[in-house]
Structures are given as C-alpha cells and as structure tokens.
C-alpha cells in the first residue's frame, strides 16, 4: 500500500472520532456529556457537536485527493488545534475532565497535527513525482 493510501485510510479511521462524537452530541445534546443540562448548555453542546461533525466530514472529503488538499487540511488542523488549546485551558482552570475528553485532547493536540504533517509529506512527494514524470516524458519524446 502506498503512503498516500495509508494516509487516506488513517484520515477515514481517525475521522470517525469527530463524526461519531458530533452525531452523538447532536442527538443527545448535553446528556451526551453530563447528567443534567439546562436548555442553554444543551443548545451550545448541540451547536458545537454540529461543528465537530462538520469538521470530521470535511476531513473525510479531503481523503480522495489528499495530495491536493494542503490548504484545507491546514485550516481544519488549525481549527481543531485551537479547540484543543481551549480544552487545555479548561484543564488548567477547572481540572481534569473525563477520560474521553483527555483522549480527545490527544487527538486535537497530537494526532491531528501529525496527520497534517503527513499530508504535507504526501503532497510534496506528489509534486516531486509529477516533476520526475514530466522530465521523463520530455526525455522520451526527444
């Protein structure tokens, strides 16, 4: 399997996390993360869950042509990383949340940036391959 295919597979697998968590939060509202919720908290959780779902879908739709999706991938990574930083501030201010929130923090601050670096590597390799193929086709046609 090529590196590009491995990256595409990783994006599809890791993309399950925001898509499924987003769906759960959209359907269950604040009950997804707490026992009781007031309507404002529930509304906020559902809204943010919709964003999370959308981010996951945006990552998924990047997979088929991943080598050309650098700008989109970097933007999505920046959004996810910013959310992770906000979650980290919450840990410092309020305390350590549930295990699932700590795992999400790892996805936000470690896994997603690593996938972004991997995407850049695959894109760079694709550019190099295209240049090599172009040079080879010029040599053959002479």
C-alpha atoms as a PDB file:
ATOM      1  CA  UNK A   1       0.000   0.000   0.000  1.00  0.00           C
ATOM      2  CA  UNK A   2       1.400   3.420  -0.885  1.00  0.00           C
ATOM      3  CA  UNK A   3       1.971   6.158   1.649  1.00  0.00           C
ATOM      4  CA  UNK A   4      -0.888   8.133   0.117  1.00  0.00           C
ATOM      5  CA  UNK A   5      -3.273   5.179   0.605  1.00  0.00           C
ATOM      6  CA  UNK A   6      -2.108   4.738   4.196  1.00  0.00           C
ATOM      7  CA  UNK A   7      -2.762   8.426   4.899  1.00  0.00           C
ATOM      8  CA  UNK A   8      -6.182   8.240   3.277  1.00  0.00           C
ATOM      9  CA  UNK A   9      -7.022   5.237   5.448  1.00  0.00           C
ATOM     10  CA  UNK A  10      -5.791   6.994   8.587  1.00  0.00           C
ATOM     11  CA  UNK A  11      -7.947  10.024   7.789  1.00  0.00           C
ATOM     12  CA  UNK A  12     -11.009   7.844   7.316  1.00  0.00           C
ATOM     13  CA  UNK A  13     -10.379   5.957  10.574  1.00  0.00           C
ATOM     14  CA  UNK A  14      -9.470   8.974  12.731  1.00  0.00           C
ATOM     15  CA  UNK A  15     -12.313  10.924  11.121  1.00  0.00           C
ATOM     16  CA  UNK A  16     -14.713   8.538  12.821  1.00  0.00           C
ATOM     17  CA  UNK A  17     -13.972  10.250  16.141  1.00  0.00           C
ATOM     18  CA  UNK A  18     -15.344  13.730  15.332  1.00  0.00           C
ATOM     19  CA  UNK A  19     -18.128  12.373  13.132  1.00  0.00           C
ATOM     20  CA  UNK A  20     -19.438   9.912  15.742  1.00  0.00           C
ATOM     21  CA  UNK A  21     -18.897  12.266  18.695  1.00  0.00           C
ATOM     22  CA  UNK A  22     -20.561  15.052  16.733  1.00  0.00           C
ATOM     23  CA  UNK A  23     -23.546  12.866  15.887  1.00  0.00           C
ATOM     24  CA  UNK A  24     -23.885  11.743  19.498  1.00  0.00           C
ATOM     25  CA  UNK A  25     -23.819  15.318  20.754  1.00  0.00           C
ATOM     26  CA  UNK A  26     -26.289  16.465  18.091  1.00  0.00           C
ATOM     27  CA  UNK A  27     -28.726  13.690  19.011  1.00  0.00           C
ATOM     28  CA  UNK A  28     -28.240  13.527  22.793  1.00  0.00           C
ATOM     29  CA  UNK A  29     -27.350  17.154  23.480  1.00  0.00           C
ATOM     30  CA  UNK A  30     -25.704  17.891  26.809  1.00  0.00           C
ATOM     31  CA  UNK A  31     -26.890  14.486  28.031  1.00  0.00           C
ATOM     32  CA  UNK A  32     -24.032  13.092  25.958  1.00  0.00           C
ATOM     33  CA  UNK A  33     -21.517  14.520  28.428  1.00  0.00           C
ATOM     34  CA  UNK A  34     -23.455  15.224  31.645  1.00  0.00           C
ATOM     35  CA  UNK A  35     -26.476  14.012  33.597  1.00  0.00           C
ATOM     36  CA  UNK A  36     -28.480  17.227  33.677  1.00  0.00           C
ATOM     37  CA  UNK A  37     -28.476  20.161  31.345  1.00  0.00           C
ATOM     38  CA  UNK A  38     -30.134  23.499  31.163  1.00  0.00           C
ATOM     39  CA  UNK A  39     -31.509  24.495  27.751  1.00  0.00           C
ATOM     40  CA  UNK A  40     -28.703  26.979  27.056  1.00  0.00           C
ATOM     41  CA  UNK A  41     -25.991  24.410  27.767  1.00  0.00           C
ATOM     42  CA  UNK A  42     -27.849  21.826  25.700  1.00  0.00           C
ATOM     43  CA  UNK A  43     -28.153  24.249  22.794  1.00  0.00           C
ATOM     44  CA  UNK A  44     -24.452  25.073  22.972  1.00  0.00           C
ATOM     45  CA  UNK A  45     -23.433  21.411  23.089  1.00  0.00           C
ATOM     46  CA  UNK A  46     -25.644  20.590  20.093  1.00  0.00           C
ATOM     47  CA  UNK A  47     -24.217  23.522  18.110  1.00  0.00           C
ATOM     48  CA  UNK A  48     -20.604  22.605  18.885  1.00  0.00           C
ATOM     49  CA  UNK A  49     -21.396  18.959  18.124  1.00  0.00           C
ATOM     50  CA  UNK A  50     -22.660  20.020  14.706  1.00  0.00           C
ATOM     51  CA  UNK A  51     -19.385  21.839  14.115  1.00  0.00           C
ATOM     52  CA  UNK A  52     -17.445  18.772  15.245  1.00  0.00           C
ATOM     53  CA  UNK A  53     -19.461  16.596  12.874  1.00  0.00           C
ATOM     54  CA  UNK A  54     -18.805  19.049  10.031  1.00  0.00           C
ATOM     55  CA  UNK A  55     -15.084  19.103  10.737  1.00  0.00           C
ATOM     56  CA  UNK A  56     -14.977  15.307  10.579  1.00  0.00           C
ATOM     57  CA  UNK A  57     -16.862  15.255   7.284  1.00  0.00           C
ATOM     58  CA  UNK A  58     -14.538  17.935   5.886  1.00  0.00           C
ATOM     59  CA  UNK A  59     -11.532  15.779   6.783  1.00  0.00           C
ATOM     60  CA  UNK A  60     -13.221  12.762   5.165  1.00  0.00           C
ATOM     61  CA  UNK A  61     -13.960  14.646   1.947  1.00  0.00           C
ATOM     62  CA  UNK A  62     -10.280  15.620   1.786  1.00  0.00           C
ATOM     63  CA  UNK A  63      -9.172  11.990   1.627  1.00  0.00           C
ATOM     64  CA  UNK A  64      -9.818  11.123  -2.054  1.00  0.00           C
ATOM     65  CA  UNK A  65      -7.471  13.837  -3.367  1.00  0.00           C
ATOM     66  CA  UNK A  66      -5.419  14.281  -0.217  1.00  0.00           C
ATOM     67  CA  UNK A  67      -2.263  15.304  -2.055  1.00  0.00           C
ATOM     68  CA  UNK A  68      -4.060  18.454  -3.321  1.00  0.00           C
ATOM     69  CA  UNK A  69      -5.824  19.385  -0.079  1.00  0.00           C
ATOM     70  CA  UNK A  70      -3.000  21.093   1.813  1.00  0.00           C
ATOM     71  CA  UNK A  71      -4.764  24.416   2.408  1.00  0.00           C
ATOM     72  CA  UNK A  72      -7.973  22.768   3.582  1.00  0.00           C
ATOM     73  CA  UNK A  73      -6.091  20.293   5.759  1.00  0.00           C
ATOM     74  CA  UNK A  74      -4.024  23.033   7.409  1.00  0.00           C
ATOM     75  CA  UNK A  75      -7.136  25.131   8.089  1.00  0.00           C
ATOM     76  CA  UNK A  76      -9.010  22.200   9.617  1.00  0.00           C
ATOM     77  CA  UNK A  77      -5.958  21.311  11.688  1.00  0.00           C
ATOM     78  CA  UNK A  78      -5.696  24.892  12.967  1.00  0.00           C
ATOM     79  CA  UNK A  79      -9.371  24.860  13.982  1.00  0.00           C
ATOM     80  CA  UNK A  80      -9.010  21.522  15.777  1.00  0.00           C
ATOM     81  CA  UNK A  81      -5.755  22.603  17.442  1.00  0.00           C
ATOM     82  CA  UNK A  82      -7.365  25.861  18.660  1.00  0.00           C
ATOM     83  CA  UNK A  83     -10.155  23.800  20.204  1.00  0.00           C
ATOM     84  CA  UNK A  84      -7.583  21.590  21.878  1.00  0.00           C
ATOM     85  CA  UNK A  85      -5.814  24.620  23.312  1.00  0.00           C
ATOM     86  CA  UNK A  86      -9.148  25.844  24.696  1.00  0.00           C
ATOM     87  CA  UNK A  87      -9.728  22.407  26.237  1.00  0.00           C
ATOM     88  CA  UNK A  88      -6.216  22.562  27.752  1.00  0.00           C
ATOM     89  CA  UNK A  89      -7.026  25.930  29.347  1.00  0.00           C
ATOM     90  CA  UNK A  90     -10.111  24.298  30.857  1.00  0.00           C
ATOM     91  CA  UNK A  91      -7.949  21.578  32.378  1.00  0.00           C
ATOM     92  CA  UNK A  92      -5.682  24.188  33.950  1.00  0.00           C
ATOM     93  CA  UNK A  93      -8.571  26.326  35.233  1.00  0.00           C
ATOM     94  CA  UNK A  94     -11.196  23.726  36.191  1.00  0.00           C
ATOM     95  CA  UNK A  95      -9.411  20.390  36.427  1.00  0.00           C
ATOM     96  CA  UNK A  96      -9.021  17.128  34.564  1.00  0.00           C
ATOM     97  CA  UNK A  97     -12.179  16.057  32.691  1.00  0.00           C
ATOM     98  CA  UNK A  98     -13.358  12.556  31.794  1.00  0.00           C
ATOM     99  CA  UNK A  99     -11.070  10.054  30.082  1.00  0.00           C
ATOM    100  CA  UNK A 100     -12.866  10.594  26.773  1.00  0.00           C
ATOM    101  CA  UNK A 101     -12.160  14.339  26.964  1.00  0.00           C
ATOM    102  CA  UNK A 102      -8.483  13.671  27.710  1.00  0.00           C
ATOM    103  CA  UNK A 103      -8.330  11.299  24.722  1.00  0.00           C
ATOM    104  CA  UNK A 104      -9.991  13.986  22.589  1.00  0.00           C
ATOM    105  CA  UNK A 105      -7.289  16.402  23.741  1.00  0.00           C
ATOM    106  CA  UNK A 106      -4.677  13.961  22.430  1.00  0.00           C
ATOM    107  CA  UNK A 107      -6.459  13.837  19.083  1.00  0.00           C
ATOM    108  CA  UNK A 108      -6.621  17.627  18.946  1.00  0.00           C
ATOM    109  CA  UNK A 109      -3.076  18.489  20.003  1.00  0.00           C
ATOM    110  CA  UNK A 110      -1.105  15.465  18.779  1.00  0.00           C
ATOM    111  CA  UNK A 111      -2.846  13.212  16.236  1.00  0.00           C
ATOM    112  CA  UNK A 112      -4.368  15.916  14.024  1.00  0.00           C
ATOM    113  CA  UNK A 113      -1.118  17.932  13.696  1.00  0.00           C
ATOM    114  CA  UNK A 114       0.764  14.707  12.893  1.00  0.00           C
ATOM    115  CA  UNK A 115      -1.780  13.895  10.169  1.00  0.00           C
ATOM    116  CA  UNK A 116      -1.299  17.416   8.818  1.00  0.00           C
ATOM    117  CA  UNK A 117       2.467  16.937   8.648  1.00  0.00           C
ATOM    118  CA  UNK A 118       1.907  13.595   6.930  1.00  0.00           C
ATOM    119  CA  UNK A 119      -0.403  15.256   4.402  1.00  0.00           C
ATOM    120  CA  UNK A 120       2.331  17.805   3.613  1.00  0.00           C
ATOM    121  CA  UNK A 121       4.815  14.973   3.097  1.00  0.00           C
ATOM    122  CA  UNK A 122       2.456  13.139   0.719  1.00  0.00           C
ATOM    123  CA  UNK A 123       1.713  16.365  -1.177  1.00  0.00           C
ATOM    124  CA  UNK A 124       5.428  17.099  -1.521  1.00  0.00           C
ATOM    125  CA  UNK A 125       6.086  13.578  -2.782  1.00  0.00           C
ATOM    126  CA  UNK A 126       3.275  14.001  -5.308  1.00  0.00           C
ATOM    127  CA  UNK A 127       4.825  17.209  -6.629  1.00  0.00           C
ATOM    128  CA  UNK A 128       8.227  15.527  -6.888  1.00  0.00           C
ATOM    129  CA  UNK A 129       6.688  12.553  -8.749  1.00  0.00           C
ATOM    130  CA  UNK A 130       4.915  14.899 -11.161  1.00  0.00           C
ATOM    131  CA  UNK A 131       8.169  16.742 -11.893  1.00  0.00           C
ATOM    132  CA  UNK A 132      10.021  13.478 -12.444  1.00  0.00           C
ATOM    133  CA  UNK A 133       7.298  12.198 -14.768  1.00  0.00           C
ATOM    134  CA  UNK A 134       7.332  15.467 -16.706  1.00  0.00           C
ATOM    135  CA  UNK A 135      11.114  15.320 -17.120  1.00  0.00           C
ATOM    136  CA  UNK A 136      10.952  11.658 -18.155  1.00  0.00           C
ATOM    137  CA  UNK A 137       8.258  12.349 -20.738  1.00  0.00           C
ATOM    138  CA  UNK A 138      10.359  15.160 -22.237  1.00  0.00           C
ATOM    139  CA  UNK A 139      13.381  12.861 -22.440  1.00  0.00           C
ATOM    140  CA  UNK A 140      11.374  10.065 -24.074  1.00  0.00           C
ATOM    141  CA  UNK A 141       9.764  12.401 -26.630  1.00  0.00           C
ATOM    142  CA  UNK A 142      13.111  13.803 -27.842  1.00  0.00           C
END
